[in-house]
Amino acid sequence: MLKLVMLLPNGRKWDNVPVSSIQYVVCDKRLRKLVTVDREYRLSSSLEAIEAQLPKQLFVRTHKSCIVSVSYISSIGKSELTIAGRSLPVARRVRPVLYKRFAKLS
């Protein structure tokens, strides 16, 4: 099985980061913050460029400023979701897509 990795800048070197460890990416003004299980990376690439490198079956663009790994979502609310204790925005149009990706039991 092929292990997906990304090269991410870490000071003067580059880290080989497994895609499976990426929890979310958020846009903060001009910089993007990519958060993994172990650490945070600051990126200058556009959110669109980062999204293009991530597998669509594992990641969802939940808001104009946020991409999340569906594997790490712990709860989904009306306008936000929670990953690793952090509340992240969910656009109204994306909510049905998220609900379809998760089996709902009642």
PDB file of N, CA and C in Angstrom:
ATOM      1  N   MET A   1       0.831  -1.182   0.000  1.00  0.00           N
ATOM      2  CA  MET A   1       0.000   0.000   0.000  1.00  0.00           C
ATOM      3  C   MET A   1       0.878   1.249   0.000  1.00  0.00           C
ATOM      4  N   LEU A   2       0.495   2.225  -0.791  1.00  0.00           N
ATOM      5  CA  LEU A   2       1.241   3.468  -0.917  1.00  0.00           C
ATOM      6  C   LEU A   2       0.958   4.388   0.263  1.00  0.00           C
ATOM      7  N   LYS A   3       1.992   4.892   0.901  1.00  0.00           N
ATOM      8  CA  LYS A   3       1.837   5.822   2.019  1.00  0.00           C
ATOM      9  C   LYS A   3       1.952   7.237   1.485  1.00  0.00           C
ATOM     10  N   LEU A   4       0.878   8.027   1.611  1.00  0.00           N
ATOM     11  CA  LEU A   4       0.857   9.390   1.119  1.00  0.00           C
ATOM     12  C   LEU A   4       1.563  10.315   2.094  1.00  0.00           C
ATOM     13  N   VAL A   5       2.471  11.135   1.568  1.00  0.00           N
ATOM     14  CA  VAL A   5       3.195  12.098   2.397  1.00  0.00           C
ATOM     15  C   VAL A   5       3.244  13.457   1.693  1.00  0.00           C
ATOM     16  N   MET A   6       3.477  14.492   2.489  1.00  0.00           N
ATOM     17  CA  MET A   6       3.688  15.837   1.966  1.00  0.00           C
ATOM     18  C   MET A   6       4.988  16.370   2.544  1.00  0.00           C
ATOM     19  N   LEU A   7       5.697  17.155   1.762  1.00  0.00           N
ATOM     20  CA  LEU A   7       6.883  17.841   2.262  1.00  0.00           C
ATOM     21  C   LEU A   7       6.448  19.223   2.736  1.00  0.00           C
ATOM     22  N   LEU A   8       6.657  19.498   4.025  1.00  0.00           N
ATOM     23  CA  LEU A   8       6.237  20.770   4.610  1.00  0.00           C
ATOM     24  C   LEU A   8       7.439  21.500   5.190  1.00  0.00           C
ATOM     25  N   PRO A   9       7.506  22.820   4.991  1.00  0.00           N
ATOM     26  CA  PRO A   9       8.648  23.594   5.480  1.00  0.00           C
ATOM     27  C   PRO A   9       8.668  23.685   7.000  1.00  0.00           C
ATOM     28  N   ASN A  10       9.850  23.467   7.546  1.00  0.00           N
ATOM     29  CA  ASN A  10      10.070  23.559   8.994  1.00  0.00           C
ATOM     30  C   ASN A  10      11.383  24.301   9.204  1.00  0.00           C
ATOM     31  N   GLY A  11      11.300  25.623   9.218  1.00  0.00           N
ATOM     32  CA  GLY A  11      12.520  26.429   9.334  1.00  0.00           C
ATOM     33  C   GLY A  11      13.347  26.312   8.069  1.00  0.00           C
ATOM     34  N   ARG A  12      14.594  25.868   8.206  1.00  0.00           N
ATOM     35  CA  ARG A  12      15.491  25.731   7.053  1.00  0.00           C
ATOM     36  C   ARG A  12      15.474  24.344   6.450  1.00  0.00           C
ATOM     37  N   LYS A  13      14.623  23.460   6.984  1.00  0.00           N
ATOM     38  CA  LYS A  13      14.536  22.106   6.446  1.00  0.00           C
ATOM     39  C   LYS A  13      13.091  21.787   6.071  1.00  0.00           C
ATOM     40  N   TRP A  14      12.871  20.619   5.532  1.00  0.00           N
ATOM     41  CA  TRP A  14      11.542  20.171   5.126  1.00  0.00           C
ATOM     42  C   TRP A  14      11.218  18.875   5.847  1.00  0.00           C
ATOM     43  N   ASP A  15      10.000  18.798   6.378  1.00  0.00           N
ATOM     44  CA  ASP A  15       9.554  17.583   7.066  1.00  0.00           C
ATOM     45  C   ASP A  15       8.724  16.733   6.114  1.00  0.00           C
ATOM     46  N   ASN A  16       8.929  15.438   6.174  1.00  0.00           N
ATOM     47  CA  ASN A  16       8.160  14.466   5.422  1.00  0.00           C
ATOM     48  C   ASN A  16       6.970  14.073   6.309  1.00  0.00           C
ATOM     49  N   VAL A  17       5.781  14.602   6.032  1.00  0.00           N
ATOM     50  CA  VAL A  17       4.626  14.451   6.912  1.00  0.00           C
ATOM     51  C   VAL A  17       3.586  13.522   6.275  1.00  0.00           C
ATOM     52  N   PRO A  18       3.178  12.456   6.967  1.00  0.00           N
ATOM     53  CA  PRO A  18       2.119  11.597   6.433  1.00  0.00           C
ATOM     54  C   PRO A  18       0.798  12.367   6.333  1.00  0.00           C
ATOM     55  N   VAL A  19       0.125  12.258   5.221  1.00  0.00           N
ATOM     56  CA  VAL A  19      -1.154  12.935   5.022  1.00  0.00           C
ATOM     57  C   VAL A  19      -2.159  12.480   6.075  1.00  0.00           C
ATOM     58  N   SER A  20      -2.058  11.242   6.510  1.00  0.00           N
ATOM     59  CA  SER A  20      -2.995  10.711   7.506  1.00  0.00           C
ATOM     60  C   SER A  20      -2.876  11.413   8.859  1.00  0.00           C
ATOM     61  N   SER A  21      -1.786  12.143   9.105  1.00  0.00           N
ATOM     62  CA  SER A  21      -1.629  12.847  10.380  1.00  0.00           C
ATOM     63  C   SER A  21      -2.153  14.286  10.325  1.00  0.00           C
ATOM     64  N   ILE A  22      -2.565  14.761   9.154  1.00  0.00           N
ATOM     65  CA  ILE A  22      -3.077  16.127   9.011  1.00  0.00           C
ATOM     66  C   ILE A  22      -4.508  16.170   9.533  1.00  0.00           C
ATOM     67  N   GLN A  23      -4.768  17.073  10.490  1.00  0.00           N
ATOM     68  CA  GLN A  23      -6.098  17.220  11.066  1.00  0.00           C
ATOM     69  C   GLN A  23      -6.921  18.276  10.328  1.00  0.00           C
ATOM     70  N   TYR A  24      -6.329  19.444  10.095  1.00  0.00           N
ATOM     71  CA  TYR A  24      -7.042  20.511   9.389  1.00  0.00           C
ATOM     72  C   TYR A  24      -6.072  21.574   8.895  1.00  0.00           C
ATOM     73  N   VAL A  25      -6.588  22.424   8.000  1.00  0.00           N
ATOM     74  CA  VAL A  25      -5.850  23.573   7.486  1.00  0.00           C
ATOM     75  C   VAL A  25      -6.787  24.771   7.606  1.00  0.00           C
ATOM     76  N   VAL A  26      -6.304  25.842   8.224  1.00  0.00           N
ATOM     77  CA  VAL A  26      -7.106  27.057   8.344  1.00  0.00           C
ATOM     78  C   VAL A  26      -6.352  28.244   7.763  1.00  0.00           C
ATOM     79  N   CYS A  27      -7.116  29.179   7.223  1.00  0.00           N
ATOM     80  CA  CYS A  27      -6.555  30.386   6.639  1.00  0.00           C
ATOM     81  C   CYS A  27      -6.621  31.497   7.676  1.00  0.00           C
ATOM     82  N   ASP A  28      -5.497  32.140   7.915  1.00  0.00           N
ATOM     83  CA  ASP A  28      -5.430  33.249   8.861  1.00  0.00           C
ATOM     84  C   ASP A  28      -4.776  34.420   8.145  1.00  0.00           C
ATOM     85  N   LYS A  29      -5.587  35.262   7.568  1.00  0.00           N
ATOM     86  CA  LYS A  29      -5.131  36.396   6.760  1.00  0.00           C
ATOM     87  C   LYS A  29      -4.303  35.886   5.582  1.00  0.00           C
ATOM     88  N   ARG A  30      -3.026  36.147   5.545  1.00  0.00           N
ATOM     89  CA  ARG A  30      -2.200  35.719   4.413  1.00  0.00           C
ATOM     90  C   ARG A  30      -1.568  34.345   4.597  1.00  0.00           C
ATOM     91  N   LEU A  31      -1.432  33.890   5.831  1.00  0.00           N
ATOM     92  CA  LEU A  31      -0.797  32.602   6.083  1.00  0.00           C
ATOM     93  C   LEU A  31      -1.821  31.508   6.319  1.00  0.00           C
ATOM     94  N   ARG A  32      -1.469  30.316   5.911  1.00  0.00           N
ATOM     95  CA  ARG A  32      -2.275  29.145   6.189  1.00  0.00           C
ATOM     96  C   ARG A  32      -1.581  28.361   7.291  1.00  0.00           C
ATOM     97  N   LYS A  33      -2.390  27.808   8.197  1.00  0.00           N
ATOM     98  CA  LYS A  33      -1.854  26.996   9.279  1.00  0.00           C
ATOM     99  C   LYS A  33      -2.329  25.568   9.054  1.00  0.00           C
ATOM    100  N   LEU A  34      -1.388  24.661   8.840  1.00  0.00           N
ATOM    101  CA  LEU A  34      -1.684  23.252   8.671  1.00  0.00           C
ATOM    102  C   LEU A  34      -1.373  22.568   9.990  1.00  0.00           C
ATOM    103  N   VAL A  35      -2.367  21.909  10.578  1.00  0.00           N
ATOM    104  CA  VAL A  35      -2.219  21.300  11.899  1.00  0.00           C
ATOM    105  C   VAL A  35      -2.220  19.786  11.762  1.00  0.00           C
ATOM    106  N   THR A  36      -1.171  19.166  12.300  1.00  0.00           N
ATOM    107  CA  THR A  36      -1.083  17.708  12.331  1.00  0.00           C
ATOM    108  C   THR A  36      -1.262  17.247  13.773  1.00  0.00           C
ATOM    109  N   VAL A  37      -1.201  15.963  13.976  1.00  0.00           N
ATOM    110  CA  VAL A  37      -1.303  15.400  15.321  1.00  0.00           C
ATOM    111  C   VAL A  37      -0.162  15.913  16.196  1.00  0.00           C
ATOM    112  N   ASP A  38       1.012  16.104  15.595  1.00  0.00           N
ATOM    113  CA  ASP A  38       2.215  16.456  16.352  1.00  0.00           C
ATOM    114  C   ASP A  38       2.544  17.942  16.428  1.00  0.00           C
ATOM    115  N   ARG A  39       2.239  18.699  15.366  1.00  0.00           N
ATOM    116  CA  ARG A  39       2.679  20.092  15.337  1.00  0.00           C
ATOM    117  C   ARG A  39       1.884  20.920  14.339  1.00  0.00           C
ATOM    118  N   GLU A  40       2.204  22.208  14.272  1.00  0.00           N
ATOM    119  CA  GLU A  40       1.584  23.134  13.320  1.00  0.00           C
ATOM    120  C   GLU A  40       2.645  23.601  12.330  1.00  0.00           C
ATOM    121  N   TYR A  41       2.215  23.801  11.083  1.00  0.00           N
ATOM    122  CA  TYR A  41       3.089  24.327  10.044  1.00  0.00           C
ATOM    123  C   TYR A  41       2.455  25.583   9.473  1.00  0.00           C
ATOM    124  N   ARG A  42       3.259  26.611   9.246  1.00  0.00           N
ATOM    125  CA  ARG A  42       2.808  27.852   8.608  1.00  0.00           C
ATOM    126  C   ARG A  42       3.176  27.753   7.126  1.00  0.00           C
ATOM    127  N   LEU A  43       2.184  27.967   6.269  1.00  0.00           N
ATOM    128  CA  LEU A  43       2.403  27.859   4.831  1.00  0.00           C
ATOM    129  C   LEU A  43       1.978  29.149   4.146  1.00  0.00           C
ATOM    130  N   SER A  44       2.659  29.482   3.059  1.00  0.00           N
ATOM    131  CA  SER A  44       2.279  30.665   2.298  1.00  0.00           C
ATOM    132  C   SER A  44       1.483  30.290   1.052  1.00  0.00           C
ATOM    133  N   SER A  45       1.348  29.017   0.751  1.00  0.00           N
ATOM    134  CA  SER A  45       0.561  28.557  -0.400  1.00  0.00           C
ATOM    135  C   SER A  45      -0.901  28.910  -0.208  1.00  0.00           C
ATOM    136  N   SER A  46      -1.618  29.054  -1.310  1.00  0.00           N
ATOM    137  CA  SER A  46      -3.053  29.342  -1.220  1.00  0.00           C
ATOM    138  C   SER A  46      -3.790  28.108  -0.703  1.00  0.00           C
ATOM    139  N   LEU A  47      -4.951  28.343  -0.132  1.00  0.00           N
ATOM    140  CA  LEU A  47      -5.775  27.242   0.364  1.00  0.00           C
ATOM    141  C   LEU A  47      -6.179  26.327  -0.800  1.00  0.00           C
ATOM    142  N   GLU A  48      -6.405  26.903  -1.972  1.00  0.00           N
ATOM    143  CA  GLU A  48      -6.748  26.121  -3.163  1.00  0.00           C
ATOM    144  C   GLU A  48      -5.611  25.183  -3.556  1.00  0.00           C
ATOM    145  N   ALA A  49      -4.368  25.670  -3.490  1.00  0.00           N
ATOM    146  CA  ALA A  49      -3.209  24.844  -3.838  1.00  0.00           C
ATOM    147  C   ALA A  49      -3.031  23.700  -2.839  1.00  0.00           C
ATOM    148  N   ILE A  50      -3.243  23.990  -1.572  1.00  0.00           N
ATOM    149  CA  ILE A  50      -3.134  22.945  -0.539  1.00  0.00           C
ATOM    150  C   ILE A  50      -4.238  21.920  -0.733  1.00  0.00           C
ATOM    151  N   GLU A  51      -5.455  22.386  -0.971  1.00  0.00           N
ATOM    152  CA  GLU A  51      -6.595  21.491  -1.175  1.00  0.00           C
ATOM    153  C   GLU A  51      -6.362  20.554  -2.359  1.00  0.00           C
ATOM    154  N   ALA A  52      -5.750  21.052  -3.421  1.00  0.00           N
ATOM    155  CA  ALA A  52      -5.483  20.245  -4.612  1.00  0.00           C
ATOM    156  C   ALA A  52      -4.519  19.091  -4.328  1.00  0.00           C
ATOM    157  N   GLN A  53      -3.668  19.233  -3.316  1.00  0.00           N
ATOM    158  CA  GLN A  53      -2.693  18.196  -2.977  1.00  0.00           C
ATOM    159  C   GLN A  53      -3.238  17.153  -2.007  1.00  0.00           C
ATOM    160  N   LEU A  54      -4.378  17.429  -1.411  1.00  0.00           N
ATOM    161  CA  LEU A  54      -4.957  16.509  -0.421  1.00  0.00           C
ATOM    162  C   LEU A  54      -5.980  15.591  -1.083  1.00  0.00           C
ATOM    163  N   PRO A  55      -6.015  14.304  -0.682  1.00  0.00           N
ATOM    164  CA  PRO A  55      -6.985  13.372  -1.269  1.00  0.00           C
ATOM    165  C   PRO A  55      -8.428  13.761  -0.918  1.00  0.00           C
ATOM    166  N   LYS A  56      -9.275  13.877  -1.936  1.00  0.00           N
ATOM    167  CA  LYS A  56     -10.654  14.319  -1.748  1.00  0.00           C
ATOM    168  C   LYS A  56     -11.486  13.344  -0.914  1.00  0.00           C
ATOM    169  N   GLN A  57     -11.138  12.074  -0.896  1.00  0.00           N
ATOM    170  CA  GLN A  57     -11.896  11.119  -0.097  1.00  0.00           C
ATOM    171  C   GLN A  57     -11.596  11.248   1.393  1.00  0.00           C
ATOM    172  N   LEU A  58     -10.497  11.936   1.768  1.00  0.00           N
ATOM    173  CA  LEU A  58     -10.120  12.089   3.172  1.00  0.00           C
ATOM    174  C   LEU A  58     -10.356  13.500   3.720  1.00  0.00           C
ATOM    175  N   PHE A  59     -10.457  14.502   2.829  1.00  0.00           N
ATOM    176  CA  PHE A  59     -10.545  15.895   3.266  1.00  0.00           C
ATOM    177  C   PHE A  59     -11.747  16.594   2.636  1.00  0.00           C
ATOM    178  N   VAL A  60     -12.317  17.538   3.399  1.00  0.00           N
ATOM    179  CA  VAL A  60     -13.469  18.311   2.936  1.00  0.00           C
ATOM    180  C   VAL A  60     -13.210  19.793   3.188  1.00  0.00           C
ATOM    181  N   ARG A  61     -13.535  20.611   2.208  1.00  0.00           N
ATOM    182  CA  ARG A  61     -13.476  22.070   2.383  1.00  0.00           C
ATOM    183  C   ARG A  61     -14.785  22.465   3.061  1.00  0.00           C
ATOM    184  N   THR A  62     -14.737  22.816   4.326  1.00  0.00           N
ATOM    185  CA  THR A  62     -15.949  23.088   5.091  1.00  0.00           C
ATOM    186  C   THR A  62     -16.338  24.558   5.087  1.00  0.00           C
ATOM    187  N   HIS A  63     -15.416  25.406   4.679  1.00  0.00           N
ATOM    188  CA  HIS A  63     -15.632  26.848   4.730  1.00  0.00           C
ATOM    189  C   HIS A  63     -14.610  27.474   3.799  1.00  0.00           C
ATOM    190  N   LYS A  64     -14.811  28.736   3.424  1.00  0.00           N
ATOM    191  CA  LYS A  64     -13.835  29.395   2.543  1.00  0.00           C
ATOM    192  C   LYS A  64     -12.453  29.486   3.187  1.00  0.00           C
ATOM    193  N   SER A  65     -12.395  29.327   4.521  1.00  0.00           N
ATOM    194  CA  SER A  65     -11.119  29.451   5.226  1.00  0.00           C
ATOM    195  C   SER A  65     -10.665  28.159   5.898  1.00  0.00           C
ATOM    196  N   CYS A  66     -11.278  27.014   5.541  1.00  0.00           N
ATOM    197  CA  CYS A  66     -10.980  25.812   6.309  1.00  0.00           C
ATOM    198  C   CYS A  66     -11.125  24.515   5.495  1.00  0.00           C
ATOM    199  N   ILE A  67     -10.148  23.621   5.659  1.00  0.00           N
ATOM    200  CA  ILE A  67     -10.192  22.270   5.097  1.00  0.00           C
ATOM    201  C   ILE A  67      -9.968  21.326   6.271  1.00  0.00           C
ATOM    202  N   VAL A  68     -10.768  20.269   6.371  1.00  0.00           N
ATOM    203  CA  VAL A  68     -10.622  19.344   7.496  1.00  0.00           C
ATOM    204  C   VAL A  68     -10.494  17.902   7.017  1.00  0.00           C
ATOM    205  N   SER A  69      -9.839  17.088   7.843  1.00  0.00           N
ATOM    206  CA  SER A  69      -9.779  15.655   7.622  1.00  0.00           C
ATOM    207  C   SER A  69     -11.019  15.035   8.247  1.00  0.00           C
ATOM    208  N   VAL A  70     -11.786  14.284   7.484  1.00  0.00           N
ATOM    209  CA  VAL A  70     -13.002  13.678   8.028  1.00  0.00           C
ATOM    210  C   VAL A  70     -12.669  12.664   9.116  1.00  0.00           C
ATOM    211  N   SER A  71     -11.477  12.123   9.119  1.00  0.00           N
ATOM    212  CA  SER A  71     -11.055  11.133  10.121  1.00  0.00           C
ATOM    213  C   SER A  71     -10.968  11.715  11.521  1.00  0.00           C
ATOM    214  N   TYR A  72     -10.739  13.015  11.638  1.00  0.00           N
ATOM    215  CA  TYR A  72     -10.518  13.629  12.943  1.00  0.00           C
ATOM    216  C   TYR A  72     -11.732  14.402  13.478  1.00  0.00           C
ATOM    217  N   ILE A  73     -12.825  14.450  12.741  1.00  0.00           N
ATOM    218  CA  ILE A  73     -14.012  15.168  13.201  1.00  0.00           C
ATOM    219  C   ILE A  73     -14.621  14.422  14.386  1.00  0.00           C
ATOM    220  N   SER A  74     -14.781  15.122  15.502  1.00  0.00           N
ATOM    221  CA  SER A  74     -15.378  14.477  16.677  1.00  0.00           C
ATOM    222  C   SER A  74     -16.845  14.839  16.843  1.00  0.00           C
ATOM    223  N   SER A  75     -17.283  16.009  16.328  1.00  0.00           N
ATOM    224  CA  SER A  75     -18.703  16.371  16.357  1.00  0.00           C
ATOM    225  C   SER A  75     -18.996  17.400  15.280  1.00  0.00           C
ATOM    226  N   ILE A  76     -20.273  17.391  14.822  1.00  0.00           N
ATOM    227  CA  ILE A  76     -20.721  18.342  13.805  1.00  0.00           C
ATOM    228  C   ILE A  76     -21.944  19.060  14.353  1.00  0.00           C
ATOM    229  N   GLY A  77     -21.866  20.383  14.389  1.00  0.00           N
ATOM    230  CA  GLY A  77     -22.986  21.198  14.842  1.00  0.00           C
ATOM    231  C   GLY A  77     -23.642  21.906  13.674  1.00  0.00           C
ATOM    232  N   LYS A  78     -24.469  22.879  13.980  1.00  0.00           N
ATOM    233  CA  LYS A  78     -25.202  23.605  12.946  1.00  0.00           C
ATOM    234  C   LYS A  78     -24.286  24.482  12.092  1.00  0.00           C
ATOM    235  N   SER A  79     -23.328  25.137  12.729  1.00  0.00           N
ATOM    236  CA  SER A  79     -22.448  26.030  11.972  1.00  0.00           C
ATOM    237  C   SER A  79     -20.966  25.804  12.273  1.00  0.00           C
ATOM    238  N   GLU A  80     -20.656  24.737  13.016  1.00  0.00           N
ATOM    239  CA  GLU A  80     -19.257  24.436  13.314  1.00  0.00           C
ATOM    240  C   GLU A  80     -19.091  22.932  13.526  1.00  0.00           C
ATOM    241  N   LEU A  81     -17.827  22.524  13.499  1.00  0.00           N
ATOM    242  CA  LEU A  81     -17.477  21.148  13.836  1.00  0.00           C
ATOM    243  C   LEU A  81     -16.306  21.195  14.786  1.00  0.00           C
ATOM    244  N   THR A  82     -16.019  20.068  15.427  1.00  0.00           N
ATOM    245  CA  THR A  82     -14.940  20.021  16.406  1.00  0.00           C
ATOM    246  C   THR A  82     -13.903  18.987  15.980  1.00  0.00           C
ATOM    247  N   ILE A  83     -12.646  19.418  16.003  1.00  0.00           N
ATOM    248  CA  ILE A  83     -11.502  18.532  15.766  1.00  0.00           C
ATOM    249  C   ILE A  83     -10.481  18.842  16.842  1.00  0.00           C
ATOM    250  N   ALA A  84     -10.067  17.827  17.567  1.00  0.00           N
ATOM    251  CA  ALA A  84      -9.044  17.957  18.612  1.00  0.00           C
ATOM    252  C   ALA A  84      -9.359  19.108  19.568  1.00  0.00           C
ATOM    253  N   GLY A  85     -10.624  19.259  19.935  1.00  0.00           N
ATOM    254  CA  GLY A  85     -11.020  20.291  20.876  1.00  0.00           C
ATOM    255  C   GLY A  85     -11.156  21.685  20.288  1.00  0.00           C
ATOM    256  N   ARG A  86     -10.882  21.840  19.001  1.00  0.00           N
ATOM    257  CA  ARG A  86     -10.973  23.149  18.357  1.00  0.00           C
ATOM    258  C   ARG A  86     -12.242  23.221  17.519  1.00  0.00           C
ATOM    259  N   SER A  87     -12.972  24.302  17.660  1.00  0.00           N
ATOM    260  CA  SER A  87     -14.179  24.540  16.889  1.00  0.00           C
ATOM    261  C   SER A  87     -13.806  25.206  15.571  1.00  0.00           C
ATOM    262  N   LEU A  88     -14.268  24.633  14.455  1.00  0.00           N
ATOM    263  CA  LEU A  88     -13.964  25.151  13.123  1.00  0.00           C
ATOM    264  C   LEU A  88     -15.271  25.425  12.379  1.00  0.00           C
ATOM    265  N   PRO A  89     -15.287  26.428  11.494  1.00  0.00           N
ATOM    266  CA  PRO A  89     -16.534  26.806  10.822  1.00  0.00           C
ATOM    267  C   PRO A  89     -16.986  25.795   9.770  1.00  0.00           C
ATOM    268  N   VAL A  90     -18.316  25.720   9.600  1.00  0.00           N
ATOM    269  CA  VAL A  90     -18.931  24.915   8.542  1.00  0.00           C
ATOM    270  C   VAL A  90     -19.935  25.796   7.812  1.00  0.00           C
ATOM    271  N   ALA A  91     -19.780  25.919   6.514  1.00  0.00           N
ATOM    272  CA  ALA A  91     -20.716  26.701   5.709  1.00  0.00           C
ATOM    273  C   ALA A  91     -22.036  25.935   5.582  1.00  0.00           C
ATOM    274  N   ARG A  92     -23.141  26.668   5.465  1.00  0.00           N
ATOM    275  CA  ARG A  92     -24.466  26.039   5.351  1.00  0.00           C
ATOM    276  C   ARG A  92     -24.550  25.064   4.192  1.00  0.00           C
ATOM    277  N   ARG A  93     -23.947  25.401   3.072  1.00  0.00           N
ATOM    278  CA  ARG A  93     -24.026  24.544   1.895  1.00  0.00           C
ATOM    279  C   ARG A  93     -23.208  23.259   2.042  1.00  0.00           C
ATOM    280  N   VAL A  94     -22.266  23.234   2.969  1.00  0.00           N
ATOM    281  CA  VAL A  94     -21.399  22.065   3.166  1.00  0.00           C
ATOM    282  C   VAL A  94     -21.998  21.081   4.166  1.00  0.00           C
ATOM    283  N   ARG A  95     -22.838  21.554   5.049  1.00  0.00           N
ATOM    284  CA  ARG A  95     -23.411  20.701   6.093  1.00  0.00           C
ATOM    285  C   ARG A  95     -24.051  19.422   5.538  1.00  0.00           C
ATOM    286  N   PRO A  96     -24.896  19.485   4.486  1.00  0.00           N
ATOM    287  CA  PRO A  96     -25.472  18.252   3.949  1.00  0.00           C
ATOM    288  C   PRO A  96     -24.419  17.271   3.425  1.00  0.00           C
ATOM    289  N   VAL A  97     -23.345  17.799   2.853  1.00  0.00           N
ATOM    290  CA  VAL A  97     -22.258  16.950   2.355  1.00  0.00           C
ATOM    291  C   VAL A  97     -21.608  16.198   3.513  1.00  0.00           C
ATOM    292  N   LEU A  98     -21.369  16.889   4.615  1.00  0.00           N
ATOM    293  CA  LEU A  98     -20.783  16.246   5.792  1.00  0.00           C
ATOM    294  C   LEU A  98     -21.695  15.179   6.358  1.00  0.00           C
ATOM    295  N   TYR A  99     -22.992  15.491   6.449  1.00  0.00           N
ATOM    296  CA  TYR A  99     -23.937  14.517   6.990  1.00  0.00           C
ATOM    297  C   TYR A  99     -24.003  13.257   6.131  1.00  0.00           C
ATOM    298  N   LYS A 100     -23.885  13.411   4.816  1.00  0.00           N
ATOM    299  CA  LYS A 100     -23.897  12.246   3.918  1.00  0.00           C
ATOM    300  C   LYS A 100     -22.662  11.371   4.110  1.00  0.00           C
ATOM    301  N   ARG A 101     -21.546  11.978   4.496  1.00  0.00           N
ATOM    302  CA  ARG A 101     -20.308  11.216   4.667  1.00  0.00           C
ATOM    303  C   ARG A 101     -20.297  10.392   5.935  1.00  0.00           C
ATOM    304  N   PHE A 102     -21.194  10.711   6.861  1.00  0.00           N
ATOM    305  CA  PHE A 102     -21.255   9.992   8.121  1.00  0.00           C
ATOM    306  C   PHE A 102     -22.608   9.296   8.231  1.00  0.00           C
ATOM    307  N   ALA A 103     -22.592   8.046   8.634  1.00  0.00           N
ATOM    308  CA  ALA A 103     -23.847   7.321   8.846  1.00  0.00           C
ATOM    309  C   ALA A 103     -24.508   7.862  10.102  1.00  0.00           C
ATOM    310  N   LYS A 104     -25.773   8.235   9.962  1.00  0.00           N
ATOM    311  CA  LYS A 104     -26.502   8.744  11.129  1.00  0.00           C
ATOM    312  C   LYS A 104     -27.359   7.627  11.709  1.00  0.00           C
ATOM    313  N   LEU A 105     -27.245   7.416  12.999  1.00  0.00           N
ATOM    314  CA  LEU A 105     -28.047   6.428  13.695  1.00  0.00           C
ATOM    315  C   LEU A 105     -29.074   7.163  14.548  1.00  0.00           C
ATOM    316  N   SER A 106     -30.276   6.644  14.585  1.00  0.00           N
ATOM    317  CA  SER A 106     -31.287   7.298  15.426  1.00  0.00           C
ATOM    318  C   SER A 106     -32.022   6.266  16.249  1.00  0.00           C
TER     319      SER A 106
END
